[in-house]
Amino acid sequence: MTSRFHNQLLRARVQRTAGGFLLAFTRTSPGLDLRFIAAGLYEVASEMERRSHDMGACWAITVDAARARIAMELARDDSAARAEQFLHDVLAGFNLQ
């Protein structure tokens, strides 16, 4: 993965929801600019879209930059275990865990 986003100031937590997963991001520095957070979230979401397309997954990925969250909604027949592993792989690639 080639990324312009070099994370040193954000951490992500994966939460299971009724319809999929929620990635909640926190900043490690209180003075971190909100635009930096938004740019990072959109880059992570773009990578999620690319990888999920390559896998043939039909997940809905939505960025909520104001709340520093990315939601991923699964289709009914999707494996939650496969999706969770996918998320952990993406987060590890960005050093967000």
PDB file of N, CA and C in Angstrom:
ATOM      1  N   MET A   1       0.854  -1.170   0.000  1.00  0.00           N
ATOM      2  CA  MET A   1       0.000   0.000   0.000  1.00  0.00           C
ATOM      3  C   MET A   1       0.900   1.232   0.000  1.00  0.00           C
ATOM      4  N   THR A   2       0.655   2.145  -0.891  1.00  0.00           N
ATOM      5  CA  THR A   2       1.371   3.411  -0.885  1.00  0.00           C
ATOM      6  C   THR A   2       0.451   4.458  -0.289  1.00  0.00           C
ATOM      7  N   SER A   3       0.929   5.122   0.714  1.00  0.00           N
ATOM      8  CA  SER A   3       0.088   6.050   1.451  1.00  0.00           C
ATOM      9  C   SER A   3       0.816   7.362   1.685  1.00  0.00           C
ATOM     10  N   ARG A   4       0.083   8.432   1.555  1.00  0.00           N
ATOM     11  CA  ARG A   4       0.630   9.734   1.923  1.00  0.00           C
ATOM     12  C   ARG A   4       0.392   9.999   3.397  1.00  0.00           C
ATOM     13  N   PHE A   5      -0.531   9.257   3.994  1.00  0.00           N
ATOM     14  CA  PHE A   5      -0.883   9.413   5.398  1.00  0.00           C
ATOM     15  C   PHE A   5       0.100   8.612   6.237  1.00  0.00           C
ATOM     16  N   HIS A   6       0.898   9.291   7.023  1.00  0.00           N
ATOM     17  CA  HIS A   6       1.868   8.639   7.892  1.00  0.00           C
ATOM     18  C   HIS A   6       1.401   8.836   9.329  1.00  0.00           C
ATOM     19  N   ASN A   7       0.775   7.815   9.856  1.00  0.00           N
ATOM     20  CA  ASN A   7       0.164   7.934  11.166  1.00  0.00           C
ATOM     21  C   ASN A   7       1.177   7.824  12.286  1.00  0.00           C
ATOM     22  N   GLN A   8       1.112   8.761  13.189  1.00  0.00           N
ATOM     23  CA  GLN A   8       1.827   8.698  14.451  1.00  0.00           C
ATOM     24  C   GLN A   8       0.948   9.248  15.565  1.00  0.00           C
ATOM     25  N   LEU A   9      -0.198   9.818  15.192  1.00  0.00           N
ATOM     26  CA  LEU A   9      -0.989  10.539  16.171  1.00  0.00           C
ATOM     27  C   LEU A   9      -2.422  10.041  16.326  1.00  0.00           C
ATOM     28  N   LEU A  10      -2.803   8.998  15.605  1.00  0.00           N
ATOM     29  CA  LEU A  10      -4.167   8.479  15.700  1.00  0.00           C
ATOM     30  C   LEU A  10      -4.153   7.015  16.099  1.00  0.00           C
ATOM     31  N   ARG A  11      -5.204   6.592  16.772  1.00  0.00           N
ATOM     32  CA  ARG A  11      -5.438   5.193  17.086  1.00  0.00           C
ATOM     33  C   ARG A  11      -6.884   4.879  16.724  1.00  0.00           C
ATOM     34  N   ALA A  12      -7.134   3.639  16.328  1.00  0.00           N
ATOM     35  CA  ALA A  12      -8.486   3.227  15.955  1.00  0.00           C
ATOM     36  C   ALA A  12      -8.908   2.038  16.804  1.00  0.00           C
ATOM     37  N   ARG A  13     -10.185   2.022  17.102  1.00  0.00           N
ATOM     38  CA  ARG A  13     -10.785   0.925  17.851  1.00  0.00           C
ATOM     39  C   ARG A  13     -11.922   0.358  17.007  1.00  0.00           C
ATOM     40  N   VAL A  14     -11.965  -0.951  16.840  1.00  0.00           N
ATOM     41  CA  VAL A  14     -13.007  -1.612  16.066  1.00  0.00           C
ATOM     42  C   VAL A  14     -14.117  -2.032  17.014  1.00  0.00           C
ATOM     43  N   GLN A  15     -15.346  -1.640  16.670  1.00  0.00           N
ATOM     44  CA  GLN A  15     -16.513  -2.009  17.459  1.00  0.00           C
ATOM     45  C   GLN A  15     -17.509  -2.714  16.544  1.00  0.00           C
ATOM     46  N   ARG A  16     -18.082  -3.792  17.036  1.00  0.00           N
ATOM     47  CA  ARG A  16     -19.125  -4.510  16.291  1.00  0.00           C
ATOM     48  C   ARG A  16     -20.440  -3.772  16.485  1.00  0.00           C
ATOM     49  N   THR A  17     -21.206  -3.628  15.415  1.00  0.00           N
ATOM     50  CA  THR A  17     -22.540  -3.018  15.486  1.00  0.00           C
ATOM     51  C   THR A  17     -23.555  -4.046  14.979  1.00  0.00           C
ATOM     52  N   ALA A  18     -24.818  -3.698  15.046  1.00  0.00           N
ATOM     53  CA  ALA A  18     -25.870  -4.613  14.586  1.00  0.00           C
ATOM     54  C   ALA A  18     -25.714  -4.936  13.096  1.00  0.00           C
ATOM     55  N   GLY A  19     -25.239  -3.978  12.303  1.00  0.00           N
ATOM     56  CA  GLY A  19     -25.148  -4.185  10.859  1.00  0.00           C
ATOM     57  C   GLY A  19     -23.748  -4.314  10.306  1.00  0.00           C
ATOM     58  N   GLY A  20     -22.742  -4.241  11.161  1.00  0.00           N
ATOM     59  CA  GLY A  20     -21.379  -4.304  10.653  1.00  0.00           C
ATOM     60  C   GLY A  20     -20.366  -3.918  11.704  1.00  0.00           C
ATOM     61  N   PHE A  21     -19.546  -2.928  11.362  1.00  0.00           N
ATOM     62  CA  PHE A  21     -18.473  -2.494  12.256  1.00  0.00           C
ATOM     63  C   PHE A  21     -18.346  -0.982  12.242  1.00  0.00           C
ATOM     64  N   LEU A  22     -17.813  -0.450  13.337  1.00  0.00           N
ATOM     65  CA  LEU A  22     -17.537   0.970  13.465  1.00  0.00           C
ATOM     66  C   LEU A  22     -16.083   1.119  13.867  1.00  0.00           C
ATOM     67  N   LEU A  23     -15.359   1.940  13.134  1.00  0.00           N
ATOM     68  CA  LEU A  23     -13.985   2.285  13.493  1.00  0.00           C
ATOM     69  C   LEU A  23     -14.037   3.642  14.169  1.00  0.00           C
ATOM     70  N   ALA A  24     -13.681   3.685  15.429  1.00  0.00           N
ATOM     71  CA  ALA A  24     -13.671   4.941  16.179  1.00  0.00           C
ATOM     72  C   ALA A  24     -12.218   5.370  16.363  1.00  0.00           C
ATOM     73  N   PHE A  25     -11.896   6.560  15.897  1.00  0.00           N
ATOM     74  CA  PHE A  25     -10.528   7.065  15.931  1.00  0.00           C
ATOM     75  C   PHE A  25     -10.353   8.054  17.081  1.00  0.00           C
ATOM     76  N   THR A  26      -9.220   7.951  17.745  1.00  0.00           N
ATOM     77  CA  THR A  26      -8.874   8.905  18.802  1.00  0.00           C
ATOM     78  C   THR A  26      -7.505   9.482  18.496  1.00  0.00           C
ATOM     79  N   ARG A  27      -7.300  10.683  18.919  1.00  0.00           N
ATOM     80  CA  ARG A  27      -6.005  11.327  18.698  1.00  0.00           C
ATOM     81  C   ARG A  27      -5.145  11.165  19.946  1.00  0.00           C
ATOM     82  N   THR A  28      -3.877  10.977  19.743  1.00  0.00           N
ATOM     83  CA  THR A  28      -2.962  10.829  20.862  1.00  0.00           C
ATOM     84  C   THR A  28      -2.446  12.183  21.330  1.00  0.00           C
ATOM     85  N   SER A  29      -2.672  13.214  20.533  1.00  0.00           N
ATOM     86  CA  SER A  29      -2.267  14.573  20.884  1.00  0.00           C
ATOM     87  C   SER A  29      -3.496  15.475  20.839  1.00  0.00           C
ATOM     88  N   PRO A  30      -3.829  16.139  21.956  1.00  0.00           N
ATOM     89  CA  PRO A  30      -5.040  16.969  21.972  1.00  0.00           C
ATOM     90  C   PRO A  30      -5.005  18.132  20.978  1.00  0.00           C
ATOM     91  N   GLY A  31      -3.846  18.566  20.580  1.00  0.00           N
ATOM     92  CA  GLY A  31      -3.730  19.694  19.667  1.00  0.00           C
ATOM     93  C   GLY A  31      -3.752  19.309  18.199  1.00  0.00           C
ATOM     94  N   LEU A  32      -4.028  18.052  17.905  1.00  0.00           N
ATOM     95  CA  LEU A  32      -4.007  17.587  16.524  1.00  0.00           C
ATOM     96  C   LEU A  32      -5.091  18.267  15.699  1.00  0.00           C
ATOM     97  N   ASP A  33      -4.703  18.802  14.568  1.00  0.00           N
ATOM     98  CA  ASP A  33      -5.613  19.528  13.690  1.00  0.00           C
ATOM     99  C   ASP A  33      -6.708  18.605  13.153  1.00  0.00           C
ATOM    100  N   LEU A  34      -7.952  19.065  13.184  1.00  0.00           N
ATOM    101  CA  LEU A  34      -9.083  18.265  12.732  1.00  0.00           C
ATOM    102  C   LEU A  34      -9.012  17.935  11.246  1.00  0.00           C
ATOM    103  N   ARG A  35      -8.381  18.793  10.476  1.00  0.00           N
ATOM    104  CA  ARG A  35      -8.226  18.506   9.043  1.00  0.00           C
ATOM    105  C   ARG A  35      -7.280  17.339   8.811  1.00  0.00           C
ATOM    106  N   PHE A  36      -6.277  17.203   9.662  1.00  0.00           N
ATOM    107  CA  PHE A  36      -5.373  16.064   9.578  1.00  0.00           C
ATOM    108  C   PHE A  36      -6.136  14.776   9.850  1.00  0.00           C
ATOM    109  N   ILE A  37      -6.992  14.800  10.855  1.00  0.00           N
ATOM    110  CA  ILE A  37      -7.810  13.632  11.182  1.00  0.00           C
ATOM    111  C   ILE A  37      -8.708  13.276  10.001  1.00  0.00           C
ATOM    112  N   ALA A  38      -9.397  14.266   9.450  1.00  0.00           N
ATOM    113  CA  ALA A  38     -10.295  14.025   8.321  1.00  0.00           C
ATOM    114  C   ALA A  38      -9.535  13.452   7.130  1.00  0.00           C
ATOM    115  N   ALA A  39      -8.380  14.004   6.817  1.00  0.00           N
ATOM    116  CA  ALA A  39      -7.591  13.507   5.691  1.00  0.00           C
ATOM    117  C   ALA A  39      -7.182  12.055   5.918  1.00  0.00           C
ATOM    118  N   GLY A  40      -6.792  11.733   7.126  1.00  0.00           N
ATOM    119  CA  GLY A  40      -6.418  10.364   7.455  1.00  0.00           C
ATOM    120  C   GLY A  40      -7.581   9.405   7.331  1.00  0.00           C
ATOM    121  N   LEU A  41      -8.747   9.798   7.813  1.00  0.00           N
ATOM    122  CA  LEU A  41      -9.934   8.948   7.725  1.00  0.00           C
ATOM    123  C   LEU A  41     -10.303   8.670   6.273  1.00  0.00           C
ATOM    124  N   TYR A  42     -10.264   9.691   5.443  1.00  0.00           N
ATOM    125  CA  TYR A  42     -10.606   9.492   4.030  1.00  0.00           C
ATOM    126  C   TYR A  42      -9.586   8.605   3.322  1.00  0.00           C
ATOM    127  N   GLU A  43      -8.332   8.702   3.708  1.00  0.00           N
ATOM    128  CA  GLU A  43      -7.338   7.833   3.086  1.00  0.00           C
ATOM    129  C   GLU A  43      -7.538   6.381   3.521  1.00  0.00           C
ATOM    130  N   VAL A  44      -7.854   6.171   4.801  1.00  0.00           N
ATOM    131  CA  VAL A  44      -8.134   4.818   5.281  1.00  0.00           C
ATOM    132  C   VAL A  44      -9.372   4.264   4.568  1.00  0.00           C
ATOM    133  N   ALA A  45     -10.420   5.074   4.465  1.00  0.00           N
ATOM    134  CA  ALA A  45     -11.649   4.629   3.800  1.00  0.00           C
ATOM    135  C   ALA A  45     -11.395   4.315   2.330  1.00  0.00           C
ATOM    136  N   SER A  46     -10.559   5.091   1.667  1.00  0.00           N
ATOM    137  CA  SER A  46     -10.220   4.813   0.260  1.00  0.00           C
ATOM    138  C   SER A  46      -9.524   3.468   0.124  1.00  0.00           C
ATOM    139  N   GLU A  47      -8.618   3.188   1.032  1.00  0.00           N
ATOM    140  CA  GLU A  47      -7.929   1.896   1.001  1.00  0.00           C
ATOM    141  C   GLU A  47      -8.909   0.758   1.285  1.00  0.00           C
ATOM    142  N   MET A  48      -9.843   0.984   2.194  1.00  0.00           N
ATOM    143  CA  MET A  48     -10.869  -0.017   2.477  1.00  0.00           C
ATOM    144  C   MET A  48     -11.713  -0.283   1.233  1.00  0.00           C
ATOM    145  N   GLU A  49     -12.074   0.774   0.525  1.00  0.00           N
ATOM    146  CA  GLU A  49     -12.867   0.611  -0.703  1.00  0.00           C
ATOM    147  C   GLU A  49     -12.095  -0.192  -1.747  1.00  0.00           C
ATOM    148  N   ARG A  50     -10.821   0.136  -1.945  1.00  0.00           N
ATOM    149  CA  ARG A  50     -10.012  -0.577  -2.942  1.00  0.00           C
ATOM    150  C   ARG A  50      -9.901  -2.060  -2.594  1.00  0.00           C
ATOM    151  N   ARG A  51      -9.562  -2.335  -1.350  1.00  0.00           N
ATOM    152  CA  ARG A  51      -9.369  -3.732  -0.940  1.00  0.00           C
ATOM    153  C   ARG A  51     -10.678  -4.517  -0.973  1.00  0.00           C
ATOM    154  N   SER A  52     -11.762  -3.892  -0.534  1.00  0.00           N
ATOM    155  CA  SER A  52     -13.035  -4.622  -0.527  1.00  0.00           C
ATOM    156  C   SER A  52     -13.502  -4.900  -1.964  1.00  0.00           C
ATOM    157  N   HIS A  53     -13.222  -3.986  -2.867  1.00  0.00           N
ATOM    158  CA  HIS A  53     -13.545  -4.215  -4.280  1.00  0.00           C
ATOM    159  C   HIS A  53     -12.762  -5.408  -4.817  1.00  0.00           C
ATOM    160  N   ASP A  54     -11.476  -5.454  -4.499  1.00  0.00           N
ATOM    161  CA  ASP A  54     -10.634  -6.559  -4.956  1.00  0.00           C
ATOM    162  C   ASP A  54     -11.113  -7.899  -4.409  1.00  0.00           C
ATOM    163  N   MET A  55     -11.716  -7.878  -3.220  1.00  0.00           N
ATOM    164  CA  MET A  55     -12.232  -9.099  -2.594  1.00  0.00           C
ATOM    165  C   MET A  55     -13.610  -9.482  -3.123  1.00  0.00           C
ATOM    166  N   GLY A  56     -14.249  -8.551  -3.825  1.00  0.00           N
ATOM    167  CA  GLY A  56     -15.605  -8.790  -4.293  1.00  0.00           C
ATOM    168  C   GLY A  56     -16.653  -8.580  -3.213  1.00  0.00           C
ATOM    169  N   ALA A  57     -16.284  -7.875  -2.155  1.00  0.00           N
ATOM    170  CA  ALA A  57     -17.217  -7.613  -1.051  1.00  0.00           C
ATOM    171  C   ALA A  57     -18.128  -6.439  -1.401  1.00  0.00           C
ATOM    172  N   CYS A  58     -19.341  -6.484  -0.903  1.00  0.00           N
ATOM    173  CA  CYS A  58     -20.320  -5.416  -1.157  1.00  0.00           C
ATOM    174  C   CYS A  58     -20.606  -4.650   0.131  1.00  0.00           C
ATOM    175  N   TRP A  59     -19.583  -4.154   0.762  1.00  0.00           N
ATOM    176  CA  TRP A  59     -19.733  -3.439   2.016  1.00  0.00           C
ATOM    177  C   TRP A  59     -19.964  -1.957   1.752  1.00  0.00           C
ATOM    178  N   ALA A  60     -20.794  -1.348   2.556  1.00  0.00           N
ATOM    179  CA  ALA A  60     -20.998   0.104   2.484  1.00  0.00           C
ATOM    180  C   ALA A  60     -20.052   0.741   3.494  1.00  0.00           C
ATOM    181  N   ILE A  61     -19.171   1.601   3.007  1.00  0.00           N
ATOM    182  CA  ILE A  61     -18.172   2.246   3.858  1.00  0.00           C
ATOM    183  C   ILE A  61     -18.479   3.737   3.886  1.00  0.00           C
ATOM    184  N   THR A  62     -18.694   4.272   5.097  1.00  0.00           N
ATOM    185  CA  THR A  62     -19.109   5.660   5.251  1.00  0.00           C
ATOM    186  C   THR A  62     -18.197   6.370   6.240  1.00  0.00           C
ATOM    187  N   VAL A  63     -17.698   7.536   5.844  1.00  0.00           N
ATOM    188  CA  VAL A  63     -16.832   8.332   6.708  1.00  0.00           C
ATOM    189  C   VAL A  63     -17.659   9.406   7.405  1.00  0.00           C
ATOM    190  N   ASP A  64     -17.476   9.529   8.712  1.00  0.00           N
ATOM    191  CA  ASP A  64     -18.050  10.613   9.505  1.00  0.00           C
ATOM    192  C   ASP A  64     -16.868  11.355  10.119  1.00  0.00           C
ATOM    193  N   ALA A  65     -16.316  12.292   9.346  1.00  0.00           N
ATOM    194  CA  ALA A  65     -15.105  12.993   9.771  1.00  0.00           C
ATOM    195  C   ALA A  65     -15.332  13.836  11.021  1.00  0.00           C
ATOM    196  N   ALA A  66     -16.517  14.407  11.171  1.00  0.00           N
ATOM    197  CA  ALA A  66     -16.801  15.252  12.333  1.00  0.00           C
ATOM    198  C   ALA A  66     -16.734  14.462  13.639  1.00  0.00           C
ATOM    199  N   ARG A  67     -17.089  13.192  13.573  1.00  0.00           N
ATOM    200  CA  ARG A  67     -17.048  12.336  14.771  1.00  0.00           C
ATOM    201  C   ARG A  67     -15.846  11.395  14.772  1.00  0.00           C
ATOM    202  N   ALA A  68     -14.978  11.528  13.782  1.00  0.00           N
ATOM    203  CA  ALA A  68     -13.780  10.688  13.646  1.00  0.00           C
ATOM    204  C   ALA A  68     -14.147   9.209  13.638  1.00  0.00           C
ATOM    205  N   ARG A  69     -15.043   8.847  12.714  1.00  0.00           N
ATOM    206  CA  ARG A  69     -15.517   7.466  12.609  1.00  0.00           C
ATOM    207  C   ARG A  69     -15.626   7.028  11.157  1.00  0.00           C
ATOM    208  N   ILE A  70     -15.462   5.736  10.965  1.00  0.00           N
ATOM    209  CA  ILE A  70     -15.759   5.105   9.685  1.00  0.00           C
ATOM    210  C   ILE A  70     -16.676   3.929   9.994  1.00  0.00           C
ATOM    211  N   ALA A  71     -17.825   3.901   9.343  1.00  0.00           N
ATOM    212  CA  ALA A  71     -18.767   2.793   9.518  1.00  0.00           C
ATOM    213  C   ALA A  71     -18.658   1.870   8.321  1.00  0.00           C
ATOM    214  N   MET A  72     -18.738   0.580   8.583  1.00  0.00           N
ATOM    215  CA  MET A  72     -18.737  -0.407   7.515  1.00  0.00           C
ATOM    216  C   MET A  72     -19.935  -1.320   7.735  1.00  0.00           C
ATOM    217  N   GLU A  73     -20.878  -1.236   6.812  1.00  0.00           N
ATOM    218  CA  GLU A  73     -22.089  -2.041   6.898  1.00  0.00           C
ATOM    219  C   GLU A  73     -21.939  -3.259   5.997  1.00  0.00           C
ATOM    220  N   LEU A  74     -22.250  -4.415   6.551  1.00  0.00           N
ATOM    221  CA  LEU A  74     -22.110  -5.669   5.813  1.00  0.00           C
ATOM    222  C   LEU A  74     -23.410  -6.036   5.115  1.00  0.00           C
ATOM    223  N   ALA A  75     -23.285  -6.767   4.013  1.00  0.00           N
ATOM    224  CA  ALA A  75     -24.463  -7.359   3.381  1.00  0.00           C
ATOM    225  C   ALA A  75     -24.891  -8.542   4.242  1.00  0.00           C
ATOM    226  N   ARG A  76     -26.124  -8.962   4.095  1.00  0.00           N
ATOM    227  CA  ARG A  76     -26.663 -10.037   4.947  1.00  0.00           C
ATOM    228  C   ARG A  76     -25.861 -11.324   4.893  1.00  0.00           C
ATOM    229  N   ASP A  77     -25.333 -11.653   3.738  1.00  0.00           N
ATOM    230  CA  ASP A  77     -24.632 -12.931   3.597  1.00  0.00           C
ATOM    231  C   ASP A  77     -23.131 -12.840   3.838  1.00  0.00           C
ATOM    232  N   ASP A  78     -22.643 -11.681   4.287  1.00  0.00           N
ATOM    233  CA  ASP A  78     -21.209 -11.514   4.531  1.00  0.00           C
ATOM    234  C   ASP A  78     -20.793 -12.153   5.842  1.00  0.00           C
ATOM    235  N   SER A  79     -19.589 -12.634   5.877  1.00  0.00           N
ATOM    236  CA  SER A  79     -18.999 -13.196   7.080  1.00  0.00           C
ATOM    237  C   SER A  79     -18.439 -12.073   7.945  1.00  0.00           C
ATOM    238  N   ALA A  80     -18.925 -11.980   9.176  1.00  0.00           N
ATOM    239  CA  ALA A  80     -18.424 -10.960  10.103  1.00  0.00           C
ATOM    240  C   ALA A  80     -16.963 -11.220  10.444  1.00  0.00           C
ATOM    241  N   ALA A  81     -16.587 -12.481  10.540  1.00  0.00           N
ATOM    242  CA  ALA A  81     -15.199 -12.823  10.861  1.00  0.00           C
ATOM    243  C   ALA A  81     -14.264 -12.365   9.740  1.00  0.00           C
ATOM    244  N   ARG A  82     -14.674 -12.566   8.492  1.00  0.00           N
ATOM    245  CA  ARG A  82     -13.858 -12.117   7.350  1.00  0.00           C
ATOM    246  C   ARG A  82     -13.738 -10.605   7.340  1.00  0.00           C
ATOM    247  N   ALA A  83     -14.831  -9.917   7.618  1.00  0.00           N
ATOM    248  CA  ALA A  83     -14.823  -8.455   7.634  1.00  0.00           C
ATOM    249  C   ALA A  83     -13.957  -7.923   8.772  1.00  0.00           C
ATOM    250  N   GLU A  84     -14.038  -8.556   9.924  1.00  0.00           N
ATOM    251  CA  GLU A  84     -13.229  -8.102  11.064  1.00  0.00           C
ATOM    252  C   GLU A  84     -11.740  -8.293  10.784  1.00  0.00           C
ATOM    253  N   GLN A  85     -11.373  -9.419  10.190  1.00  0.00           N
ATOM    254  CA  GLN A  85      -9.973  -9.638   9.829  1.00  0.00           C
ATOM    255  C   GLN A  85      -9.519  -8.609   8.800  1.00  0.00           C
ATOM    256  N   PHE A  86     -10.373  -8.311   7.851  1.00  0.00           N
ATOM    257  CA  PHE A  86     -10.112  -7.274   6.847  1.00  0.00           C
ATOM    258  C   PHE A  86      -9.794  -5.939   7.531  1.00  0.00           C
ATOM    259  N   LEU A  87     -10.621  -5.550   8.492  1.00  0.00           N
ATOM    260  CA  LEU A  87     -10.416  -4.276   9.186  1.00  0.00           C
ATOM    261  C   LEU A  87      -9.099  -4.264   9.954  1.00  0.00           C
ATOM    262  N   HIS A  88      -8.807  -5.337  10.636  1.00  0.00           N
ATOM    263  CA  HIS A  88      -7.545  -5.390  11.386  1.00  0.00           C
ATOM    264  C   HIS A  88      -6.338  -5.330  10.453  1.00  0.00           C
ATOM    265  N   ASP A  89      -6.440  -5.948   9.281  1.00  0.00           N
ATOM    266  CA  ASP A  89      -5.351  -5.885   8.302  1.00  0.00           C
ATOM    267  C   ASP A  89      -5.148  -4.458   7.785  1.00  0.00           C
ATOM    268  N   VAL A  90      -6.249  -3.772   7.482  1.00  0.00           N
ATOM    269  CA  VAL A  90      -6.158  -2.389   7.002  1.00  0.00           C
ATOM    270  C   VAL A  90      -5.564  -1.491   8.091  1.00  0.00           C
ATOM    271  N   LEU A  91      -6.057  -1.625   9.303  1.00  0.00           N
ATOM    272  CA  LEU A  91      -5.558  -0.791  10.398  1.00  0.00           C
ATOM    273  C   LEU A  91      -4.081  -1.051  10.680  1.00  0.00           C
ATOM    274  N   ALA A  92      -3.673  -2.297  10.602  1.00  0.00           N
ATOM    275  CA  ALA A  92      -2.248  -2.627  10.810  1.00  0.00           C
ATOM    276  C   ALA A  92      -1.395  -1.993   9.717  1.00  0.00           C
ATOM    277  N   GLY A  93      -1.901  -1.980   8.494  1.00  0.00           N
ATOM    278  CA  GLY A  93      -1.165  -1.367   7.389  1.00  0.00           C
ATOM    279  C   GLY A  93      -0.938   0.117   7.573  1.00  0.00           C
ATOM    280  N   PHE A  94      -1.833   0.767   8.278  1.00  0.00           N
ATOM    281  CA  PHE A  94      -1.707   2.201   8.559  1.00  0.00           C
ATOM    282  C   PHE A  94      -1.137   2.480   9.941  1.00  0.00           C
ATOM    283  N   ASN A  95      -0.774   1.423  10.679  1.00  0.00           N
ATOM    284  CA  ASN A  95      -0.249   1.575  12.034  1.00  0.00           C
ATOM    285  C   ASN A  95      -1.229   2.313  12.947  1.00  0.00           C
ATOM    286  N   LEU A  96      -2.486   1.890  12.908  1.00  0.00           N
ATOM    287  CA  LEU A  96      -3.537   2.550  13.689  1.00  0.00           C
ATOM    288  C   LEU A  96      -3.976   1.753  14.906  1.00  0.00           C
ATOM    289  N   GLN A  97      -3.392   0.590  15.138  1.00  0.00           N
ATOM    290  CA  GLN A  97      -3.832  -0.235  16.265  1.00  0.00           C
ATOM    291  C   GLN A  97      -3.000   0.011  17.491  1.00  0.00           C
TER     292      GLN A  97
END
